[in-house]
PDB file of N, CA and C in Angstrom:
ATOM      1  N   MET A   1       7.166  23.050  16.652  1.00  0.00           N
ATOM      2  CA  MET A   1       8.450  22.629  16.148  1.00  0.00           C
ATOM      3  C   MET A   1       9.024  23.771  15.317  1.00  0.00           C
ATOM      4  N   GLY A   2      10.304  24.088  15.562  1.00  0.00           N
ATOM      5  CA  GLY A   2      10.940  25.166  14.825  1.00  0.00           C
ATOM      6  C   GLY A   2      11.134  24.811  13.365  1.00  0.00           C
ATOM      7  N   LYS A   3      11.281  25.848  12.571  1.00  0.00           N
ATOM      8  CA  LYS A   3      11.436  25.662  11.125  1.00  0.00           C
ATOM      9  C   LYS A   3      12.683  24.834  10.810  1.00  0.00           C
ATOM     10  N   LYS A   4      13.774  25.078  11.548  1.00  0.00           N
ATOM     11  CA  LYS A   4      15.028  24.354  11.317  1.00  0.00           C
ATOM     12  C   LYS A   4      14.864  22.866  11.637  1.00  0.00           C
ATOM     13  N   LYS A   5      14.208  22.553  12.760  1.00  0.00           N
ATOM     14  CA  LYS A   5      13.983  21.152  13.131  1.00  0.00           C
ATOM     15  C   LYS A   5      13.083  20.459  12.115  1.00  0.00           C
ATOM     16  N   LYS A   6      12.066  21.165  11.647  1.00  0.00           N
ATOM     17  CA  LYS A   6      11.140  20.590  10.677  1.00  0.00           C
ATOM     18  C   LYS A   6      11.872  20.267   9.376  1.00  0.00           C
ATOM     19  N   LEU A   7      12.707  21.199   8.905  1.00  0.00           N
ATOM     20  CA  LEU A   7      13.478  20.968   7.679  1.00  0.00           C
ATOM     21  C   LEU A   7      14.470  19.825   7.858  1.00  0.00           C
ATOM     22  N   THR A   8      15.111  19.757   9.038  1.00  0.00           N
ATOM     23  CA  THR A   8      16.045  18.663   9.315  1.00  0.00           C
ATOM     24  C   THR A   8      15.312  17.331   9.301  1.00  0.00           C
ATOM     25  N   GLY A   9      14.141  17.285   9.915  1.00  0.00           N
ATOM     26  CA  GLY A   9      13.343  16.055   9.920  1.00  0.00           C
ATOM     27  C   GLY A   9      12.943  15.632   8.526  1.00  0.00           C
ATOM     28  N   MET A  10      12.526  16.597   7.711  1.00  0.00           N
ATOM     29  CA  MET A  10      12.135  16.279   6.337  1.00  0.00           C
ATOM     30  C   MET A  10      13.333  15.766   5.546  1.00  0.00           C
ATOM     31  N   LEU A  11      14.521  16.327   5.783  1.00  0.00           N
ATOM     32  CA  LEU A  11      15.732  15.888   5.097  1.00  0.00           C
ATOM     33  C   LEU A  11      16.073  14.456   5.481  1.00  0.00           C
ATOM     34  N   ILE A  12      15.975  14.132   6.776  1.00  0.00           N
ATOM     35  CA  ILE A  12      16.277  12.772   7.238  1.00  0.00           C
ATOM     36  C   ILE A  12      15.312  11.769   6.620  1.00  0.00           C
ATOM     37  N   VAL A  13      14.027  12.078   6.624  1.00  0.00           N
ATOM     38  CA  VAL A  13      13.030  11.182   6.029  1.00  0.00           C
ATOM     39  C   VAL A  13      13.311  10.994   4.544  1.00  0.00           C
ATOM     40  N   SER A  14      13.632  12.077   3.853  1.00  0.00           N
ATOM     41  CA  SER A  14      13.931  11.988   2.419  1.00  0.00           C
ATOM     42  C   SER A  14      15.134  11.102   2.163  1.00  0.00           C
ATOM     43  N   LEU A  15      16.185  11.258   2.968  1.00  0.00           N
ATOM     44  CA  LEU A  15      17.382  10.432   2.800  1.00  0.00           C
ATOM     45  C   LEU A  15      17.087   8.960   3.060  1.00  0.00           C
ATOM     46  N   LEU A  16      16.286   8.673   4.069  1.00  0.00           N
ATOM     47  CA  LEU A  16      15.917   7.283   4.350  1.00  0.00           C
ATOM     48  C   LEU A  16      15.149   6.682   3.186  1.00  0.00           C
ATOM     49  N   MET A  17      14.237   7.449   2.608  1.00  0.00           N
ATOM     50  CA  MET A  17      13.450   6.934   1.487  1.00  0.00           C
ATOM     51  C   MET A  17      14.331   6.721   0.261  1.00  0.00           C
ATOM     52  N   ILE A  18      15.254   7.636   0.006  1.00  0.00           N
ATOM     53  CA  ILE A  18      16.148   7.493  -1.140  1.00  0.00           C
ATOM     54  C   ILE A  18      17.047   6.280  -0.966  1.00  0.00           C
ATOM     55  N   SER A  19      17.508   6.034   0.269  1.00  0.00           N
ATOM     56  CA  SER A  19      18.413   4.911   0.512  1.00  0.00           C
ATOM     57  C   SER A  19      17.696   3.571   0.453  1.00  0.00           C
ATOM     58  N   GLY A  20      16.374   3.565   0.451  1.00  0.00           N
ATOM     59  CA  GLY A  20      15.628   2.316   0.322  1.00  0.00           C
ATOM     60  C   GLY A  20      15.408   1.593   1.635  1.00  0.00           C
ATOM     61  N   LEU A  21      15.665   2.243   2.755  1.00  0.00           N
ATOM     62  CA  LEU A  21      15.452   1.604   4.047  1.00  0.00           C
ATOM     63  C   LEU A  21      13.969   1.588   4.373  1.00  0.00           C
ATOM     64  N   SER A  22      13.495   0.482   4.922  1.00  0.00           N
ATOM     65  CA  SER A  22      12.097   0.384   5.333  1.00  0.00           C
ATOM     66  C   SER A  22      11.995   0.804   6.787  1.00  0.00           C
ATOM     67  N   THR A  23      10.928   1.514   7.132  1.00  0.00           N
ATOM     68  CA  THR A  23      10.712   1.914   8.507  1.00  0.00           C
ATOM     69  C   THR A  23       9.276   1.624   8.888  1.00  0.00           C
ATOM     70  N   VAL A  24       9.075   1.312  10.150  1.00  0.00           N
ATOM     71  CA  VAL A  24       7.728   1.091  10.646  1.00  0.00           C
ATOM     72  C   VAL A  24       7.295   2.350  11.364  1.00  0.00           C
ATOM     73  N   ALA A  25       6.195   2.952  10.918  1.00  0.00           N
ATOM     74  CA  ALA A  25       5.723   4.202  11.493  1.00  0.00           C
ATOM     75  C   ALA A  25       4.808   3.960  12.686  1.00  0.00           C
ATOM     76  N   SER A  26       4.010   2.926  12.638  1.00  0.00           N
ATOM     77  CA  SER A  26       3.115   2.601  13.733  1.00  0.00           C
ATOM     78  C   SER A  26       2.661   1.163  13.548  1.00  0.00           C
ATOM     79  N   ALA A  27       1.832   0.696  14.467  1.00  0.00           N
ATOM     80  CA  ALA A  27       1.342  -0.675  14.362  1.00  0.00           C
ATOM     81  C   ALA A  27       0.387  -0.846  13.189  1.00  0.00           C
ATOM     82  N   GLU A  28      -0.185   0.244  12.694  1.00  0.00           N
ATOM     83  CA  GLU A  28      -1.173   0.142  11.632  1.00  0.00           C
ATOM     84  C   GLU A  28      -0.646   0.498  10.249  1.00  0.00           C
ATOM     85  N   GLU A  29       0.485   1.194  10.172  1.00  0.00           N
ATOM     86  CA  GLU A  29       0.998   1.603   8.870  1.00  0.00           C
ATOM     87  C   GLU A  29       2.424   1.112   8.697  1.00  0.00           C
ATOM     88  N   LEU A  30       2.711   0.544   7.556  1.00  0.00           N
ATOM     89  CA  LEU A  30       4.051   0.087   7.224  1.00  0.00           C
ATOM     90  C   LEU A  30       4.455   0.777   5.945  1.00  0.00           C
ATOM     91  N   TYR A  31       5.537   1.520   5.977  1.00  0.00           N
ATOM     92  CA  TYR A  31       6.013   2.208   4.788  1.00  0.00           C
ATOM     93  C   TYR A  31       7.117   1.383   4.156  1.00  0.00           C
ATOM     94  N   ILE A  32       6.978   1.083   2.894  1.00  0.00           N
ATOM     95  CA  ILE A  32       7.978   0.338   2.147  1.00  0.00           C
ATOM     96  C   ILE A  32       8.430   1.259   1.022  1.00  0.00           C
ATOM     97  N   PRO A  33       9.437   2.106   1.280  1.00  0.00           N
ATOM     98  CA  PRO A  33       9.810   3.121   0.300  1.00  0.00           C
ATOM     99  C   PRO A  33      10.324   2.575  -1.023  1.00  0.00           C
ATOM    100  N   THR A  34      10.699   1.309  -1.069  1.00  0.00           N
ATOM    101  CA  THR A  34      11.208   0.756  -2.317  1.00  0.00           C
ATOM    102  C   THR A  34      10.087   0.461  -3.296  1.00  0.00           C
ATOM    103  N   PHE A  35       8.837   0.598  -2.871  1.00  0.00           N
ATOM    104  CA  PHE A  35       7.694   0.334  -3.734  1.00  0.00           C
ATOM    105  C   PHE A  35       6.906   1.613  -3.947  1.00  0.00           C
ATOM    106  N   CYS A  36       6.192   1.675  -5.035  1.00  0.00           N
ATOM    107  CA  CYS A  36       5.376   2.854  -5.348  1.00  0.00           C
ATOM    108  C   CYS A  36       3.907   2.558  -5.097  1.00  0.00           C
ATOM    109  N   ASN A  37       3.129   3.584  -4.990  1.00  0.00           N
ATOM    110  CA  ASN A  37       1.671   3.492  -4.948  1.00  0.00           C
ATOM    111  C   ASN A  37       1.140   2.690  -3.768  1.00  0.00           C
ATOM    112  N   VAL A  38       1.630   2.939  -2.573  1.00  0.00           N
ATOM    113  CA  VAL A  38       1.121   2.255  -1.393  1.00  0.00           C
ATOM    114  C   VAL A  38      -0.176   2.929  -0.965  1.00  0.00           C
ATOM    115  N   VAL A  39      -1.212   2.133  -0.815  1.00  0.00           N
ATOM    116  CA  VAL A  39      -2.513   2.633  -0.386  1.00  0.00           C
ATOM    117  C   VAL A  39      -2.855   1.935   0.919  1.00  0.00           C
ATOM    118  N   THR A  40      -3.169   2.694   1.963  1.00  0.00           N
ATOM    119  CA  THR A  40      -3.503   2.088   3.241  1.00  0.00           C
ATOM    120  C   THR A  40      -5.008   1.996   3.402  1.00  0.00           C
ATOM    121  N   GLY A  41      -5.454   1.016   4.196  1.00  0.00           N
ATOM    122  CA  GLY A  41      -6.881   0.830   4.432  1.00  0.00           C
ATOM    123  C   GLY A  41      -7.462   2.008   5.192  1.00  0.00           C
ATOM    124  N   VAL A  42      -8.728   2.227   5.030  1.00  0.00           N
ATOM    125  CA  VAL A  42      -9.402   3.351   5.663  1.00  0.00           C
ATOM    126  C   VAL A  42     -10.458   2.814   6.611  1.00  0.00           C
ATOM    127  N   THR A  43     -10.462   3.305   7.837  1.00  0.00           N
ATOM    128  CA  THR A  43     -11.493   2.933   8.793  1.00  0.00           C
ATOM    129  C   THR A  43     -12.646   3.914   8.666  1.00  0.00           C
ATOM    130  N   ASP A  44     -13.834   3.400   8.404  1.00  0.00           N
ATOM    131  CA  ASP A  44     -15.003   4.252   8.205  1.00  0.00           C
ATOM    132  C   ASP A  44     -15.722   4.435   9.533  1.00  0.00           C
ATOM    133  N   THR A  45     -15.638   5.639  10.087  1.00  0.00           N
ATOM    134  CA  THR A  45     -16.349   5.935  11.331  1.00  0.00           C
ATOM    135  C   THR A  45     -17.552   6.832  11.073  1.00  0.00           C
ATOM    136  N   THR A  46     -17.839   7.095   9.797  1.00  0.00           N
ATOM    137  CA  THR A  46     -18.929   8.009   9.455  1.00  0.00           C
ATOM    138  C   THR A  46     -20.194   7.276   9.022  1.00  0.00           C
ATOM    139  N   ASN A  47     -20.142   5.943   8.945  1.00  0.00           N
ATOM    140  CA  ASN A  47     -21.254   5.126   8.467  1.00  0.00           C
ATOM    141  C   ASN A  47     -21.629   5.447   7.029  1.00  0.00           C
ATOM    142  N   GLU A  48     -20.659   5.960   6.260  1.00  0.00           N
ATOM    143  CA  GLU A  48     -20.890   6.227   4.848  1.00  0.00           C
ATOM    144  C   GLU A  48     -20.345   5.065   4.029  1.00  0.00           C
ATOM    145  N   ILE A  49     -20.763   4.972   2.784  1.00  0.00           N
ATOM    146  CA  ILE A  49     -20.301   3.908   1.902  1.00  0.00           C
ATOM    147  C   ILE A  49     -18.855   4.181   1.519  1.00  0.00           C
ATOM    148  N   SER A  50     -18.024   3.139   1.559  1.00  0.00           N
ATOM    149  CA  SER A  50     -16.625   3.268   1.168  1.00  0.00           C
ATOM    150  C   SER A  50     -16.526   3.657  -0.302  1.00  0.00           C
ATOM    151  N   THR A  51     -15.567   4.516  -0.609  1.00  0.00           N
ATOM    152  CA  THR A  51     -15.416   4.965  -1.990  1.00  0.00           C
ATOM    153  C   THR A  51     -14.346   4.184  -2.747  1.00  0.00           C
ATOM    154  N   THR A  52     -13.614   3.316  -2.053  1.00  0.00           N
ATOM    155  CA  THR A  52     -12.662   2.436  -2.725  1.00  0.00           C
ATOM    156  C   THR A  52     -13.111   1.010  -2.484  1.00  0.00           C
ATOM    157  N   SER A  53     -12.829   0.137  -3.429  1.00  0.00           N
ATOM    158  CA  SER A  53     -13.289  -1.234  -3.243  1.00  0.00           C
ATOM    159  C   SER A  53     -12.576  -2.189  -4.186  1.00  0.00           C
ATOM    160  N   TRP A  54     -12.671  -3.468  -3.859  1.00  0.00           N
ATOM    161  CA  TRP A  54     -12.181  -4.538  -4.717  1.00  0.00           C
ATOM    162  C   TRP A  54     -13.273  -4.887  -5.719  1.00  0.00           C
ATOM    163  N   LYS A  55     -12.874  -5.116  -6.951  1.00  0.00           N
ATOM    164  CA  LYS A  55     -13.807  -5.533  -8.005  1.00  0.00           C
ATOM    165  C   LYS A  55     -13.207  -6.721  -8.745  1.00  0.00           C
ATOM    166  N   TYR A  56     -14.038  -7.720  -9.033  1.00  0.00           N
ATOM    167  CA  TYR A  56     -13.618  -8.898  -9.791  1.00  0.00           C
ATOM    168  C   TYR A  56     -14.062  -8.695 -11.234  1.00  0.00           C
ATOM    169  N   ILE A  57     -13.081  -8.541 -12.131  1.00  0.00           N
ATOM    170  CA  ILE A  57     -13.376  -8.241 -13.534  1.00  0.00           C
ATOM    171  C   ILE A  57     -12.595  -9.197 -14.428  1.00  0.00           C
ATOM    172  N   ASP A  58     -13.291  -9.934 -15.274  1.00  0.00           N
ATOM    173  CA  ASP A  58     -12.662 -10.830 -16.254  1.00  0.00           C
ATOM    174  C   ASP A  58     -11.602 -11.745 -15.644  1.00  0.00           C
ATOM    175  N   GLY A  59     -11.906 -12.311 -14.487  1.00  0.00           N
ATOM    176  CA  GLY A  59     -11.005 -13.288 -13.874  1.00  0.00           C
ATOM    177  C   GLY A  59      -9.911 -12.712 -12.991  1.00  0.00           C
ATOM    178  N   TYR A  60      -9.892 -11.404 -12.775  1.00  0.00           N
ATOM    179  CA  TYR A  60      -8.877 -10.773 -11.931  1.00  0.00           C
ATOM    180  C   TYR A  60      -9.529  -9.849 -10.915  1.00  0.00           C
ATOM    181  N   TRP A  61      -8.883  -9.727  -9.731  1.00  0.00           N
ATOM    182  CA  TRP A  61      -9.309  -8.778  -8.722  1.00  0.00           C
ATOM    183  C   TRP A  61      -8.553  -7.475  -8.918  1.00  0.00           C
ATOM    184  N   TYR A  62      -9.273  -6.353  -8.809  1.00  0.00           N
ATOM    185  CA  TYR A  62      -8.703  -5.015  -8.926  1.00  0.00           C
ATOM    186  C   TYR A  62      -9.148  -4.196  -7.719  1.00  0.00           C
ATOM    187  N   TYR A  63      -8.271  -3.303  -7.247  1.00  0.00           N
ATOM    188  CA  TYR A  63      -8.636  -2.360  -6.195  1.00  0.00           C
ATOM    189  C   TYR A  63      -8.815  -1.005  -6.864  1.00  0.00           C
ATOM    190  N   LEU A  64     -10.015  -0.437  -6.750  1.00  0.00           N
ATOM    191  CA  LEU A  64     -10.342   0.787  -7.475  1.00  0.00           C
ATOM    192  C   LEU A  64     -10.362   2.008  -6.561  1.00  0.00           C
ATOM    193  N   LYS A  65      -9.818   3.112  -7.077  1.00  0.00           N
ATOM    194  CA  LYS A  65      -9.882   4.402  -6.394  1.00  0.00           C
ATOM    195  C   LYS A  65     -11.301   4.953  -6.540  1.00  0.00           C
ATOM    196  N   PRO A  66     -11.640   6.008  -5.790  1.00  0.00           N
ATOM    197  CA  PRO A  66     -12.971   6.615  -5.934  1.00  0.00           C
ATOM    198  C   PRO A  66     -13.284   7.026  -7.370  1.00  0.00           C
ATOM    199  N   SER A  67     -12.250   7.376  -8.132  1.00  0.00           N
ATOM    200  CA  SER A  67     -12.446   7.785  -9.526  1.00  0.00           C
ATOM    201  C   SER A  67     -12.701   6.599 -10.450  1.00  0.00           C
ATOM    202  N   GLY A  68     -12.512   5.370  -9.917  1.00  0.00           N
ATOM    203  CA  GLY A  68     -12.660   4.175 -10.740  1.00  0.00           C
ATOM    204  C   GLY A  68     -11.346   3.695 -11.322  1.00  0.00           C
ATOM    205  N   GLU A  69     -10.274   4.460 -11.099  1.00  0.00           N
ATOM    206  CA  GLU A  69      -8.946   4.099 -11.594  1.00  0.00           C
ATOM    207  C   GLU A  69      -8.403   2.901 -10.812  1.00  0.00           C
ATOM    208  N   LYS A  70      -7.748   1.977 -11.505  1.00  0.00           N
ATOM    209  CA  LYS A  70      -7.165   0.796 -10.876  1.00  0.00           C
ATOM    210  C   LYS A  70      -5.882   1.179 -10.145  1.00  0.00           C
ATOM    211  N   VAL A  71      -5.746   0.690  -8.913  1.00  0.00           N
ATOM    212  CA  VAL A  71      -4.557   0.944  -8.108  1.00  0.00           C
ATOM    213  C   VAL A  71      -3.492  -0.077  -8.482  1.00  0.00           C
ATOM    214  N   THR A  72      -2.230   0.352  -8.533  1.00  0.00           N
ATOM    215  CA  THR A  72      -1.113  -0.557  -8.761  1.00  0.00           C
ATOM    216  C   THR A  72      -0.160  -0.461  -7.583  1.00  0.00           C
ATOM    217  N   GLY A  73       0.645  -1.490  -7.398  1.00  0.00           N
ATOM    218  CA  GLY A  73       1.611  -1.503  -6.306  1.00  0.00           C
ATOM    219  C   GLY A  73       1.021  -2.144  -5.062  1.00  0.00           C
ATOM    220  N   TRP A  74       1.614  -1.810  -3.919  1.00  0.00           N
ATOM    221  CA  TRP A  74       1.199  -2.396  -2.643  1.00  0.00           C
ATOM    222  C   TRP A  74      -0.037  -1.703  -2.092  1.00  0.00           C
ATOM    223  N   ILE A  75      -0.943  -2.506  -1.530  1.00  0.00           N
ATOM    224  CA  ILE A  75      -2.193  -2.015  -0.947  1.00  0.00           C
ATOM    225  C   ILE A  75      -2.336  -2.629   0.439  1.00  0.00           C
ATOM    226  N   ASN A  76      -2.640  -1.812   1.445  1.00  0.00           N
ATOM    227  CA  ASN A  76      -2.947  -2.312   2.781  1.00  0.00           C
ATOM    228  C   ASN A  76      -4.449  -2.206   2.953  1.00  0.00           C
ATOM    229  N   ASP A  77      -5.106  -3.354   3.045  1.00  0.00           N
ATOM    230  CA  ASP A  77      -6.556  -3.386   3.196  1.00  0.00           C
ATOM    231  C   ASP A  77      -6.898  -4.169   4.452  1.00  0.00           C
ATOM    232  N   ASN A  78      -7.408  -3.481   5.457  1.00  0.00           N
ATOM    233  CA  ASN A  78      -7.791  -4.103   6.733  1.00  0.00           C
ATOM    234  C   ASN A  78      -6.659  -4.908   7.353  1.00  0.00           C
ATOM    235  N   GLY A  79      -5.442  -4.363   7.305  1.00  0.00           N
ATOM    236  CA  GLY A  79      -4.300  -5.010   7.940  1.00  0.00           C
ATOM    237  C   GLY A  79      -3.592  -6.040   7.088  1.00  0.00           C
ATOM    238  N   ASN A  80      -4.096  -6.328   5.916  1.00  0.00           N
ATOM    239  CA  ASN A  80      -3.438  -7.265   5.003  1.00  0.00           C
ATOM    240  C   ASN A  80      -2.834  -6.501   3.840  1.00  0.00           C
ATOM    241  N   TRP A  81      -1.644  -6.931   3.418  1.00  0.00           N
ATOM    242  CA  TRP A  81      -0.969  -6.318   2.280  1.00  0.00           C
ATOM    243  C   TRP A  81      -1.192  -7.144   1.033  1.00  0.00           C
ATOM    244  N   TYR A  82      -1.502  -6.472  -0.070  1.00  0.00           N
ATOM    245  CA  TYR A  82      -1.718  -7.094  -1.374  1.00  0.00           C
ATOM    246  C   TYR A  82      -0.861  -6.348  -2.394  1.00  0.00           C
ATOM    247  N   PHE A  83      -0.574  -7.004  -3.521  1.00  0.00           N
ATOM    248  CA  PHE A  83       0.196  -6.344  -4.576  1.00  0.00           C
ATOM    249  C   PHE A  83      -0.554  -6.447  -5.891  1.00  0.00           C
ATOM    250  N   CYS A  84      -0.731  -5.302  -6.554  1.00  0.00           N
ATOM    251  CA  CYS A  84      -1.366  -5.265  -7.874  1.00  0.00           C
ATOM    252  C   CYS A  84      -0.314  -4.878  -8.910  1.00  0.00           C
ATOM    253  N   ASP A  85      -0.289  -5.617 -10.017  1.00  0.00           N
ATOM    254  CA  ASP A  85       0.714  -5.378 -11.061  1.00  0.00           C
ATOM    255  C   ASP A  85       0.442  -4.070 -11.805  1.00  0.00           C
ATOM    256  N   SER A  86       1.229  -3.809 -12.844  1.00  0.00           N
ATOM    257  CA  SER A  86       1.124  -2.539 -13.571  1.00  0.00           C
ATOM    258  C   SER A  86      -0.220  -2.358 -14.276  1.00  0.00           C
ATOM    259  N   LEU A  87      -0.967  -3.458 -14.466  1.00  0.00           N
ATOM    260  CA  LEU A  87      -2.308  -3.371 -15.052  1.00  0.00           C
ATOM    261  C   LEU A  87      -3.393  -3.282 -13.977  1.00  0.00           C
ATOM    262  N   GLY A  88      -2.968  -3.332 -12.699  1.00  0.00           N
ATOM    263  CA  GLY A  88      -3.914  -3.250 -11.597  1.00  0.00           C
ATOM    264  C   GLY A  88      -4.430  -4.594 -11.121  1.00  0.00           C
ATOM    265  N   ARG A  89      -3.941  -5.702 -11.696  1.00  0.00           N
ATOM    266  CA  ARG A  89      -4.413  -7.037 -11.314  1.00  0.00           C
ATOM    267  C   ARG A  89      -3.744  -7.478 -10.015  1.00  0.00           C
ATOM    268  N   MET A  90      -4.554  -7.931  -9.039  1.00  0.00           N
ATOM    269  CA  MET A  90      -3.999  -8.443  -7.799  1.00  0.00           C
ATOM    270  C   MET A  90      -3.268  -9.755  -8.088  1.00  0.00           C
ATOM    271  N   LEU A  91      -2.025  -9.847  -7.626  1.00  0.00           N
ATOM    272  CA  LEU A  91      -1.256 -11.067  -7.815  1.00  0.00           C
ATOM    273  C   LEU A  91      -1.467 -12.002  -6.637  1.00  0.00           C
ATOM    274  N   HIS A  92      -1.262 -13.294  -6.861  1.00  0.00           N
ATOM    275  CA  HIS A  92      -1.378 -14.292  -5.794  1.00  0.00           C
ATOM    276  C   HIS A  92      -0.480 -15.470  -6.139  1.00  0.00           C
ATOM    277  N   ASP A  93      -0.171 -16.290  -5.128  1.00  0.00           N
ATOM    278  CA  ASP A  93       0.667 -17.481  -5.310  1.00  0.00           C
ATOM    279  C   ASP A  93       1.978 -17.154  -6.024  1.00  0.00           C
ATOM    280  N   THR A  94       2.640 -16.092  -5.580  1.00  0.00           N
ATOM    281  CA  THR A  94       3.910 -15.687  -6.190  1.00  0.00           C
ATOM    282  C   THR A  94       4.750 -14.954  -5.148  1.00  0.00           C
ATOM    283  N   VAL A  95       5.962 -14.574  -5.536  1.00  0.00           N
ATOM    284  CA  VAL A  95       6.862 -13.819  -4.666  1.00  0.00           C
ATOM    285  C   VAL A  95       7.221 -12.509  -5.362  1.00  0.00           C
ATOM    286  N   ILE A  96       7.041 -11.396  -4.662  1.00  0.00           N
ATOM    287  CA  ILE A  96       7.369 -10.068  -5.172  1.00  0.00           C
ATOM    288  C   ILE A  96       8.449  -9.480  -4.267  1.00  0.00           C
ATOM    289  N   ASN A  97       9.650  -9.270  -4.804  1.00  0.00           N
ATOM    290  CA  ASN A  97      10.766  -8.703  -4.027  1.00  0.00           C
ATOM    291  C   ASN A  97      10.928  -9.386  -2.670  1.00  0.00           C
ATOM    292  N   ASN A  98      10.938 -10.705  -2.660  1.00  0.00           N
ATOM    293  CA  ASN A  98      11.094 -11.538  -1.460  1.00  0.00           C
ATOM    294  C   ASN A  98       9.885 -11.527  -0.528  1.00  0.00           C
ATOM    295  N   PHE A  99       8.753 -10.995  -0.959  1.00  0.00           N
ATOM    296  CA  PHE A  99       7.517 -11.035  -0.179  1.00  0.00           C
ATOM    297  C   PHE A  99       6.596 -12.066  -0.824  1.00  0.00           C
ATOM    298  N   LYS A 100       6.269 -13.127  -0.074  1.00  0.00           N
ATOM    299  CA  LYS A 100       5.434 -14.209  -0.605  1.00  0.00           C
ATOM    300  C   LYS A 100       3.954 -13.856  -0.465  1.00  0.00           C
ATOM    301  N   LEU A 101       3.217 -14.026  -1.570  1.00  0.00           N
ATOM    302  CA  LEU A 101       1.775 -13.787  -1.578  1.00  0.00           C
ATOM    303  C   LEU A 101       1.053 -15.122  -1.614  1.00  0.00           C
ATOM    304  N   GLY A 102       0.041 -15.283  -0.763  1.00  0.00           N
ATOM    305  CA  GLY A 102      -0.718 -16.524  -0.683  1.00  0.00           C
ATOM    306  C   GLY A 102      -1.768 -16.648  -1.772  1.00  0.00           C
ATOM    307  N   SER A 103      -2.553 -17.709  -1.682  1.00  0.00           N
ATOM    308  CA  SER A 103      -3.577 -17.976  -2.697  1.00  0.00           C
ATOM    309  C   SER A 103      -4.670 -16.910  -2.716  1.00  0.00           C
ATOM    310  N   ASN A 104      -4.875 -16.220  -1.582  1.00  0.00           N
ATOM    311  CA  ASN A 104      -5.865 -15.134  -1.546  1.00  0.00           C
ATOM    312  C   ASN A 104      -5.246 -13.783  -1.901  1.00  0.00           C
ATOM    313  N   GLY A 105      -3.957 -13.782  -2.246  1.00  0.00           N
ATOM    314  CA  GLY A 105      -3.270 -12.559  -2.631  1.00  0.00           C
ATOM    315  C   GLY A 105      -2.597 -11.823  -1.491  1.00  0.00           C
ATOM    316  N   ALA A 106      -2.921 -12.179  -0.254  1.00  0.00           N
ATOM    317  CA  ALA A 106      -2.349 -11.474   0.899  1.00  0.00           C
ATOM    318  C   ALA A 106      -0.903 -11.900   1.133  1.00  0.00           C
ATOM    319  N   TRP A 107      -0.097 -10.938   1.581  1.00  0.00           N
ATOM    320  CA  TRP A 107       1.299 -11.189   1.922  1.00  0.00           C
ATOM    321  C   TRP A 107       1.341 -12.143   3.105  1.00  0.00           C
ATOM    322  N   ILE A 108       2.136 -13.220   2.968  1.00  0.00           N
ATOM    323  CA  ILE A 108       2.327 -14.185   4.049  1.00  0.00           C
ATOM    324  C   ILE A 108       3.540 -13.732   4.844  1.00  0.00           C
ATOM    325  N   TYR A 109       3.354 -13.333   6.083  1.00  0.00           N
ATOM    326  CA  TYR A 109       4.427 -12.793   6.928  1.00  0.00           C
ATOM    327  C   TYR A 109       5.407 -13.877   7.273  1.00  0.00           C
TER     328      TYR A 109
END
């Protein structure tokens, strides 16, 4: 791909993200530019232990990065979308920006 085409493509993607339009990139990834901190699920084909995981701490579920830091925002885990608040707590039985979350925290399509 030429440098001019690559720059044009990057400009178009940037404009779409700034305008807040949602786009579907593939059957496995959904980009929601109006939200921050989207983490997609990882398929382990190496038979190694996953470095990110859900942890239940003091009555709340948290999704932790390899560093142990709590993830906030939208998370795609094995095809299901979850939302963690600014403290990293997974929300459930609520609506976030018109997206309904069920009792298990997963987005109800």
